[in-house]
Amino acid sequence: MSQKNTPGNALLWDEILKAIVDAMPEQLFPLFKEVYGKEYPKGTPVTLLATESSTYREDPNAPPGSRLSDIALLVNGTDYYHLECQMRNDREMVIRMIAYDLHFAMQYTIHEDDENGSYTMHFPRSAVIYPEKNEKLPEYLRCRIIFQDETEHIYEIPTVRIQSYSLQEIHEKHLNLFMPYVLLRLRPKLDPERKFPLEKKELTDFVDKVMMILENELEEGYLTQLEYDDYINLFRRAAEKILEKHADFIEEVDRMTKPMIELPSVLQKRLYDEIDSLNANKKTLIADNEALAADRDALIADKDALIANNEALIANNEALISDKDALIADKDALIADKDALIADKDALIAKNSTLSAGLAEKNALLADKDAELARMRALLEQYHIPVTA
């Protein structure tokens, strides 16, 4: 909440923010993306934390007290956030934020370092949300902190100025969190002394745009039906407060946001439509199941074919191995035949050598015989003995 001297009606805007965070904390995710650049998918766990902290009092004689900050939470088990909703431009807000964040860090993030026995603590990502328009609101709240060693640090807190966002920007960035607050931008026009006060048509057009945005967010899946209903109820609650002195305007907002009365016949038709839709979904599921079964059978057939192909490949491989063994045996036989031919050749060569030696011996004998005959002829001729042929 804002501090206690804040106007009482500001409590409503604090409570709206808390109601949204309590009922649908994921609606903060677009805000975290916008302010801190942090994105979280749907289903990211969010833990709401206790928000009580000690406070200082302006009266030095008053005892210390405690208060509740607006929103403290842990996202994804690692990221700490602290949000405050503030209606007026309080210059000391940055001082209170430092006090809240210091207490927050001491309560949730402090831990002892294993190596040197010192301590470390992490301050949360903080922001101050301003629902109402104020031209003097800064983009950041800043405080210069000087430590005992004379080092300086600028403590900077971003501000979220809801009325600086157009409805189109809110829609494009899915900042549905802002929707219960957008009627506040029309409040200055409710002054009866204003030159151009708010007219019913302007209000109607504005509410119509809000409803179209929420319906589109529902259709696109950024809101569930329950969240959509919650936003409508919060918007109606805000309208009752802002337009409390304008009964006709409240009636117009009520007319545009209140669900239409449905007759039993309409409810029966809706029920039949839902039954038909369920039956159609059932048929679709059955068809999908049959398709899956057919796919399964096809996969089994493909598996069997692969197994058969594998077995054929194995058989072919075994045949190739057998053929290889036969070729090796043939090769061994050819080598044996070659060795036998070489042995036969060597035997023939040896025999030829023997025959050649015998022939030479025979030739030598013939030569001796011829020489003996020649000598005998010479003797006969010496003694004049006639030689017969």
Protein backbone atom coordinates (compact mmCIF):
# COMPACT_ATOMS: atom_id res chain seq x y z
CA MET A 1 0.00 0.00 0.00
CA SER A 2 0.92 3.64 -0.10
CA GLN A 3 1.74 5.33 3.17
CA LYS A 4 -1.01 6.05 5.66
CA ASN A 5 -1.50 9.72 4.96
CA THR A 6 -2.47 8.89 1.40
CA PRO A 7 -6.12 9.68 0.58
CA GLY A 8 -8.40 6.81 1.53
CA ASN A 9 -9.69 6.19 -1.98
CA ALA A 10 -6.14 5.32 -3.06
CA LEU A 11 -6.54 2.06 -1.18
CA LEU A 12 -8.89 0.82 -3.91
CA TRP A 13 -6.15 1.03 -6.54
CA ASP A 14 -3.72 -0.81 -4.27
CA GLU A 15 -6.30 -3.50 -3.69
CA ILE A 16 -7.01 -3.87 -7.42
CA LEU A 17 -3.31 -4.51 -8.07
CA LYS A 18 -3.16 -7.03 -5.22
CA ALA A 19 -6.31 -8.76 -6.43
CA ILE A 20 -4.84 -9.21 -9.90
CA VAL A 21 -1.54 -10.54 -8.54
CA ASP A 22 -3.28 -12.89 -6.11
CA ALA A 23 -5.70 -14.31 -8.69
CA MET A 24 -3.56 -14.27 -11.85
CA PRO A 25 0.12 -13.51 -11.12
CA GLU A 26 1.19 -14.39 -14.68
CA GLN A 27 -0.47 -11.13 -15.76
CA LEU A 28 2.66 -9.45 -14.37
CA PHE A 29 4.86 -11.12 -17.02
CA PRO A 30 4.15 -8.53 -19.77
CA LEU A 31 4.96 -5.78 -17.23
CA PHE A 32 8.28 -7.44 -16.36
CA LYS A 33 9.10 -7.62 -20.06
CA GLU A 34 8.18 -3.95 -20.54
CA VAL A 35 10.10 -2.61 -17.51
CA TYR A 36 13.00 -5.05 -17.08
CA GLY A 37 13.24 -6.82 -20.46
CA LYS A 38 12.66 -10.16 -18.73
CA GLU A 39 10.45 -12.70 -20.50
CA TYR A 40 8.81 -15.69 -18.85
CA PRO A 41 6.80 -18.41 -20.60
CA LYS A 42 3.35 -19.46 -19.43
CA GLY A 43 3.53 -21.81 -16.50
CA THR A 44 6.64 -20.23 -14.97
CA PRO A 45 6.23 -20.67 -11.19
CA VAL A 46 5.38 -17.54 -9.18
CA THR A 47 5.63 -17.42 -5.38
CA LEU A 48 4.03 -14.53 -3.49
CA LEU A 49 6.17 -13.41 -0.55
CA ALA A 50 5.32 -11.81 2.76
CA THR A 51 5.51 -8.02 2.54
CA GLU A 52 5.83 -6.85 6.13
CA SER A 53 8.81 -4.60 6.81
CA SER A 54 10.02 -2.21 9.48
CA THR A 55 9.50 1.55 8.98
CA TYR A 56 10.90 4.78 10.26
CA ARG A 57 8.63 7.46 11.74
CA GLU A 58 8.82 11.16 11.04
CA ASP A 59 8.17 11.80 14.74
CA PRO A 60 11.46 10.94 16.53
CA ASN A 61 9.53 10.23 19.72
CA ALA A 62 7.29 7.65 18.07
CA PRO A 63 8.25 3.98 18.43
CA PRO A 64 9.36 2.08 15.33
CA GLY A 65 6.58 0.29 13.52
CA SER A 66 5.94 -1.97 10.56
CA ARG A 67 3.98 -1.77 7.32
CA LEU A 68 3.07 -3.85 4.31
CA SER A 69 4.59 -3.11 0.95
CA ASP A 70 2.35 -3.79 -2.04
CA ILE A 71 3.76 -6.72 -4.03
CA ALA A 72 6.73 -8.98 -3.30
CA LEU A 73 7.23 -12.15 -5.28
CA LEU A 74 9.71 -14.72 -6.53
CA VAL A 75 9.55 -15.82 -10.18
CA ASN A 76 11.07 -19.05 -11.49
CA GLY A 77 12.75 -19.66 -8.14
CA THR A 78 15.51 -17.14 -8.96
CA ASP A 79 14.15 -13.64 -9.70
CA TYR A 80 12.85 -11.36 -6.93
CA TYR A 81 10.46 -8.46 -7.60
CA HIS A 82 9.04 -5.66 -5.48
CA LEU A 83 6.23 -3.43 -6.78
CA GLU A 84 4.52 -0.46 -5.16
CA CYS A 85 1.31 1.25 -6.26
CA GLN A 86 1.45 5.00 -5.63
CA MET A 87 -1.26 7.53 -6.43
CA ARG A 88 0.54 10.80 -5.74
CA ASN A 89 3.99 12.10 -6.59
CA ASP A 90 5.71 11.71 -3.23
CA ARG A 91 9.28 13.00 -3.36
CA GLU A 92 10.31 10.73 -0.49
CA MET A 93 9.06 7.61 -2.23
CA VAL A 94 12.59 6.69 -3.33
CA ILE A 95 13.74 6.74 0.33
CA ARG A 96 10.97 4.36 1.33
CA MET A 97 11.79 2.12 -1.64
CA ILE A 98 15.41 1.89 -0.49
CA ALA A 99 14.22 0.92 2.99
CA TYR A 100 11.79 -1.68 1.61
CA ASP A 101 14.36 -3.15 -0.78
CA LEU A 102 17.05 -3.34 1.89
CA HIS A 103 14.68 -5.17 4.23
CA PHE A 104 13.57 -7.39 1.34
CA ALA A 105 17.17 -8.29 0.47
CA MET A 106 18.02 -9.02 4.12
CA GLN A 107 14.92 -11.19 4.47
CA TYR A 108 15.16 -13.24 1.27
CA THR A 109 18.50 -12.98 -0.54
CA ILE A 110 21.32 -12.70 1.99
CA HIS A 111 23.80 -15.58 2.09
CA GLU A 112 27.28 -16.24 3.42
CA ASP A 113 30.13 -16.68 0.96
CA ASP A 114 31.92 -19.99 1.49
CA GLU A 115 35.40 -18.74 0.59
CA ASN A 116 36.01 -15.77 2.87
CA GLY A 117 33.11 -15.76 5.34
CA SER A 118 31.67 -12.46 4.05
CA TYR A 119 28.02 -11.94 3.09
CA THR A 120 26.25 -11.17 -0.17
CA MET A 121 22.70 -9.96 -0.73
CA HIS A 122 20.80 -9.09 -3.89
CA PHE A 123 18.30 -6.27 -4.07
CA PRO A 124 15.04 -7.10 -5.88
CA ARG A 125 13.96 -5.63 -9.18
CA SER A 126 11.75 -2.80 -7.98
CA ALA A 127 9.30 -0.43 -9.61
CA VAL A 128 6.66 2.08 -8.57
CA ILE A 129 3.35 1.96 -10.45
CA TYR A 130 1.48 5.24 -10.80
CA PRO A 131 -2.14 4.66 -11.92
CA GLU A 132 -3.09 8.34 -12.32
CA LYS A 133 -1.70 10.84 -14.78
CA ASN A 134 0.79 13.36 -13.44
CA GLU A 135 3.05 15.37 -15.74
CA LYS A 136 5.64 15.75 -12.96
CA LEU A 137 6.22 12.02 -12.58
CA PRO A 138 9.83 11.16 -13.42
CA GLU A 139 10.85 8.18 -15.51
CA TYR A 140 13.04 7.03 -12.62
CA LEU A 141 13.18 7.75 -8.91
CA ARG A 142 16.81 8.37 -7.97
CA CYS A 143 18.85 8.71 -4.80
CA ARG A 144 22.63 9.25 -4.60
CA ILE A 145 24.13 7.00 -1.93
CA ILE A 146 27.63 7.69 -0.57
CA PHE A 147 29.27 4.80 1.26
CA GLN A 148 31.80 5.09 4.10
CA ASP A 149 34.68 4.64 1.64
CA GLU A 150 33.38 7.69 -0.30
CA THR A 151 32.27 5.57 -3.26
CA GLU A 152 28.95 6.64 -4.78
CA HIS A 153 26.02 4.71 -6.18
CA ILE A 154 22.84 6.04 -7.80
CA TYR A 155 19.90 4.00 -6.54
CA GLU A 156 17.46 4.09 -9.45
CA ILE A 157 13.88 2.84 -9.39
CA PRO A 158 11.87 2.74 -12.67
CA THR A 159 8.37 4.18 -12.61
CA VAL A 160 5.39 2.73 -14.48
CA ARG A 161 3.07 5.56 -15.52
CA ILE A 162 -0.06 3.76 -16.63
CA GLN A 163 -1.75 6.77 -18.21
CA SER A 164 1.24 7.38 -20.50
CA TYR A 165 0.27 4.22 -22.43
CA SER A 166 -2.40 4.48 -25.11
CA LEU A 167 -5.03 1.76 -25.32
CA GLN A 168 -3.34 0.54 -28.49
CA GLU A 169 0.02 0.22 -26.70
CA ILE A 170 -1.62 -1.61 -23.81
CA HIS A 171 -3.18 -4.02 -26.30
CA GLU A 172 -0.01 -4.56 -28.36
CA LYS A 173 2.08 -5.23 -25.24
CA HIS A 174 -0.67 -7.30 -23.54
CA LEU A 175 -0.52 -5.05 -20.47
CA ASN A 176 -4.01 -6.09 -19.37
CA LEU A 177 -2.90 -5.31 -15.82
CA PHE A 178 -3.52 -1.64 -16.68
CA MET A 179 -7.14 -2.08 -17.79
CA PRO A 180 -8.87 -1.47 -14.42
CA TYR A 181 -6.99 1.86 -14.21
CA VAL A 182 -7.57 3.34 -17.67
CA LEU A 183 -10.81 5.10 -16.72
CA LEU A 184 -8.72 7.33 -14.42
CA ARG A 185 -7.59 9.25 -17.50
CA LEU A 186 -11.17 10.47 -17.94
CA ARG A 187 -11.50 11.73 -14.37
CA PRO A 188 -10.23 15.28 -15.09
CA LYS A 189 -13.11 15.66 -17.60
CA LEU A 190 -15.65 14.98 -14.87
CA ASP A 191 -15.09 18.47 -13.45
CA PRO A 192 -18.36 20.35 -14.17
CA GLU A 193 -16.45 23.62 -14.52
CA ARG A 194 -14.28 22.20 -17.27
CA LYS A 195 -14.77 23.85 -20.65
CA PHE A 196 -15.33 20.53 -22.42
CA PRO A 197 -16.59 18.04 -19.82
CA LEU A 198 -16.92 14.31 -20.45
CA GLU A 199 -19.86 13.38 -22.65
CA LYS A 200 -21.70 10.09 -22.63
CA LYS A 201 -20.67 9.21 -26.21
CA GLU A 202 -16.98 9.70 -25.39
CA LEU A 203 -17.35 7.39 -22.39
CA THR A 204 -19.24 4.83 -24.49
CA ASP A 205 -16.58 4.84 -27.21
CA PHE A 206 -13.82 4.50 -24.63
CA VAL A 207 -15.47 1.59 -22.78
CA ASP A 208 -16.23 -0.07 -26.12
CA LYS A 209 -12.49 0.02 -27.01
CA VAL A 210 -11.61 -1.48 -23.62
CA MET A 211 -14.13 -4.29 -24.08
CA MET A 212 -12.85 -5.02 -27.60
CA ILE A 213 -9.27 -5.27 -26.32
CA LEU A 214 -10.22 -7.66 -23.49
CA GLU A 215 -12.32 -9.78 -25.85
CA ASN A 216 -9.43 -9.95 -28.33
CA GLU A 217 -7.02 -10.94 -25.55
CA LEU A 218 -9.46 -13.71 -24.61
CA GLU A 219 -9.74 -14.92 -28.21
CA GLU A 220 -5.95 -14.87 -28.69
CA GLY A 221 -5.35 -16.88 -25.54
CA TYR A 222 -3.68 -14.14 -23.49
CA LEU A 223 -6.60 -14.34 -21.04
CA THR A 224 -8.64 -17.27 -19.81
CA GLN A 225 -12.40 -16.90 -19.50
CA LEU A 226 -12.04 -16.61 -15.73
CA GLU A 227 -9.34 -13.92 -16.05
CA TYR A 228 -11.48 -12.05 -18.55
CA ASP A 229 -14.41 -12.09 -16.09
CA ASP A 230 -12.11 -10.90 -13.29
CA TYR A 231 -10.91 -7.95 -15.37
CA ILE A 232 -14.49 -6.99 -16.23
CA ASN A 233 -15.44 -7.04 -12.55
CA LEU A 234 -12.40 -4.95 -11.57
CA PHE A 235 -13.15 -2.50 -14.37
CA ARG A 236 -16.74 -2.16 -13.14
CA ARG A 237 -15.48 -1.63 -9.59
CA ALA A 238 -13.13 1.11 -10.78
CA ALA A 239 -15.95 2.75 -12.76
CA GLU A 240 -18.17 2.83 -9.69
CA LYS A 241 -15.47 4.71 -7.79
CA ILE A 242 -14.44 7.12 -10.52
CA LEU A 243 -18.00 7.89 -11.69
CA GLU A 244 -19.64 7.76 -8.26
CA LYS A 245 -21.15 11.22 -8.71
CA HIS A 246 -22.44 10.47 -12.22
CA ALA A 247 -25.19 7.87 -12.01
CA ASP A 248 -25.93 8.00 -15.74
CA PHE A 249 -22.31 7.23 -16.59
CA ILE A 250 -22.22 4.33 -14.12
CA GLU A 251 -25.42 2.99 -15.68
CA GLU A 252 -23.82 3.19 -19.15
CA VAL A 253 -20.67 1.31 -18.03
CA ASP A 254 -22.87 -1.23 -16.28
CA ARG A 255 -24.91 -1.73 -19.44
CA MET A 256 -21.81 -2.27 -21.59
CA THR A 257 -20.00 -4.62 -19.21
CA LYS A 258 -22.79 -6.56 -17.51
CA PRO A 259 -23.53 -9.98 -19.04
CA MET A 260 -26.83 -10.12 -20.93
CA ILE A 261 -29.72 -12.02 -19.31
CA GLU A 262 -30.01 -15.40 -20.97
CA LEU A 263 -33.36 -17.19 -21.26
CA PRO A 264 -33.60 -20.94 -20.56
CA SER A 265 -34.02 -21.57 -24.28
CA VAL A 266 -30.75 -19.72 -24.96
CA LEU A 267 -29.00 -21.68 -22.22
CA GLN A 268 -30.42 -24.91 -23.64
CA LYS A 269 -29.15 -24.02 -27.10
CA ARG A 270 -25.73 -23.24 -25.68
CA LEU A 271 -25.74 -26.59 -23.88
CA TYR A 272 -26.69 -28.41 -27.08
CA ASP A 273 -23.98 -26.52 -28.95
CA GLU A 274 -21.44 -27.53 -26.34
CA ILE A 275 -22.60 -31.17 -26.56
CA ASP A 276 -22.29 -31.03 -30.36
CA SER A 277 -18.85 -29.53 -29.99
CA LEU A 278 -17.84 -32.26 -27.56
CA ASN A 279 -19.17 -34.94 -29.93
CA ALA A 280 -17.31 -33.38 -32.82
CA ASN A 281 -14.16 -33.30 -30.73
CA LYS A 282 -14.77 -36.95 -29.80
CA LYS A 283 -15.07 -37.91 -33.46
CA THR A 284 -11.94 -35.97 -34.24
CA LEU A 285 -10.12 -37.74 -31.43
CA ILE A 286 -11.34 -41.14 -32.69
CA ALA A 287 -10.21 -40.29 -36.22
CA ASP A 288 -6.88 -39.09 -34.88
CA ASN A 289 -6.56 -42.32 -32.88
CA GLU A 290 -7.33 -44.42 -35.97
CA ALA A 291 -4.80 -42.42 -37.96
CA LEU A 292 -2.25 -43.00 -35.23
CA ALA A 293 -3.05 -46.74 -35.26
CA ALA A 294 -2.62 -46.81 -39.06
CA ASP A 295 0.67 -44.97 -38.69
CA ARG A 296 1.71 -47.49 -36.06
CA ASP A 297 0.85 -50.41 -38.37
CA ALA A 298 2.77 -48.77 -41.19
CA LEU A 299 5.75 -48.33 -38.91
CA ILE A 300 5.55 -51.99 -37.87
CA ALA A 301 5.40 -53.03 -41.55
CA ASP A 302 8.38 -50.81 -42.29
CA LYS A 303 10.21 -52.38 -39.37
CA ASP A 304 9.44 -55.90 -40.67
CA ALA A 305 10.64 -54.91 -44.14
CA LEU A 306 13.84 -53.54 -42.67
CA ILE A 307 14.36 -56.76 -40.71
CA ALA A 308 13.81 -58.82 -43.92
CA ASN A 309 16.23 -56.60 -45.82
CA ASN A 310 18.75 -56.99 -43.01
CA GLU A 311 18.43 -60.79 -43.11
CA ALA A 312 18.86 -60.75 -46.92
CA LEU A 313 21.96 -58.65 -46.53
CA ILE A 314 23.31 -61.09 -43.95
CA ALA A 315 22.64 -64.01 -46.35
CA ASN A 316 24.35 -62.15 -49.20
CA ASN A 317 27.29 -61.44 -46.95
CA GLU A 318 27.58 -65.12 -46.00
CA ALA A 319 27.43 -66.10 -49.72
CA LEU A 320 30.17 -63.61 -50.49
CA ILE A 321 32.28 -65.07 -47.69
CA SER A 322 31.69 -68.60 -49.12
CA ASP A 323 32.66 -67.41 -52.60
CA LYS A 324 35.77 -65.82 -51.17
CA ASP A 325 36.74 -69.08 -49.44
CA ALA A 326 36.24 -71.01 -52.74
CA LEU A 327 38.43 -68.50 -54.59
CA ILE A 328 41.09 -68.85 -51.95
CA ALA A 329 40.92 -72.69 -52.31
CA ASP A 330 41.19 -72.34 -56.12
CA LYS A 331 44.15 -70.06 -55.70
CA ASP A 332 45.84 -72.59 -53.39
CA ALA A 333 45.23 -75.38 -55.98
CA LEU A 334 46.70 -73.24 -58.76
CA ILE A 335 49.75 -72.55 -56.64
CA ALA A 336 50.12 -76.31 -56.00
CA ASP A 337 49.81 -76.99 -59.75
CA LYS A 338 52.38 -74.33 -60.45
CA ASP A 339 54.76 -75.90 -57.92
CA ALA A 340 54.24 -79.36 -59.56
CA LEU A 341 54.97 -77.91 -63.03
CA ILE A 342 58.11 -76.29 -61.71
CA ALA A 343 59.18 -79.65 -60.18
CA ASP A 344 58.48 -81.41 -63.53
CA LYS A 345 60.48 -78.76 -65.35
CA ASP A 346 63.38 -79.19 -62.94
CA ALA A 347 63.19 -83.01 -63.47
CA LEU A 348 63.22 -82.56 -67.26
CA ILE A 349 66.16 -80.24 -67.03
CA ALA A 350 68.00 -82.79 -64.86
CA LYS A 351 67.15 -85.62 -67.31
CA ASN A 352 68.25 -83.51 -70.25
CA SER A 353 71.51 -82.85 -68.48
CA THR A 354 71.99 -86.63 -67.96
CA LEU A 355 71.18 -87.35 -71.64
CA SER A 356 73.56 -84.64 -72.75
CA ALA A 357 76.30 -86.16 -70.59
CA GLY A 358 75.63 -89.67 -72.05
CA LEU A 359 75.65 -88.30 -75.57
CA ALA A 360 78.93 -86.54 -74.95
CA GLU A 361 80.39 -89.75 -73.60
CA LYS A 362 79.11 -91.66 -76.63
CA ASN A 363 80.56 -89.06 -78.96
CA ALA A 364 83.85 -89.34 -77.15
CA LEU A 365 83.81 -93.15 -77.62
CA LEU A 366 83.00 -92.74 -81.30
CA ALA A 367 85.82 -90.29 -81.67
CA ASP A 368 88.20 -92.78 -80.01
CA LYS A 369 86.90 -95.51 -82.30
CA ASP A 370 87.40 -93.33 -85.39
CA ALA A 371 90.90 -92.52 -84.23
CA GLU A 372 91.68 -96.26 -83.72
CA LEU A 373 90.36 -97.05 -87.20
CA ALA A 374 92.43 -94.31 -88.69
CA ARG A 375 95.57 -95.64 -86.96
CA MET A 376 94.86 -99.20 -88.16
CA ARG A 377 94.39 -97.99 -91.71
CA ALA A 378 97.62 -96.14 -91.51
CA LEU A 379 99.42 -99.35 -90.39
CA LEU A 380 97.88 -101.41 -93.16
CA GLU A 381 98.88 -98.88 -95.73
CA GLN A 382 102.39 -98.89 -94.26
CA TYR A 383 102.67 -102.58 -94.86
CA HIS A 384 100.84 -102.44 -98.17
CA ILE A 385 98.06 -104.55 -96.99
CA PRO A 386 94.92 -103.89 -98.98
CA VAL A 387 92.01 -102.41 -96.92
CA THR A 388 88.57 -103.63 -97.62
CA ALA A 389 85.61 -101.42 -97.22
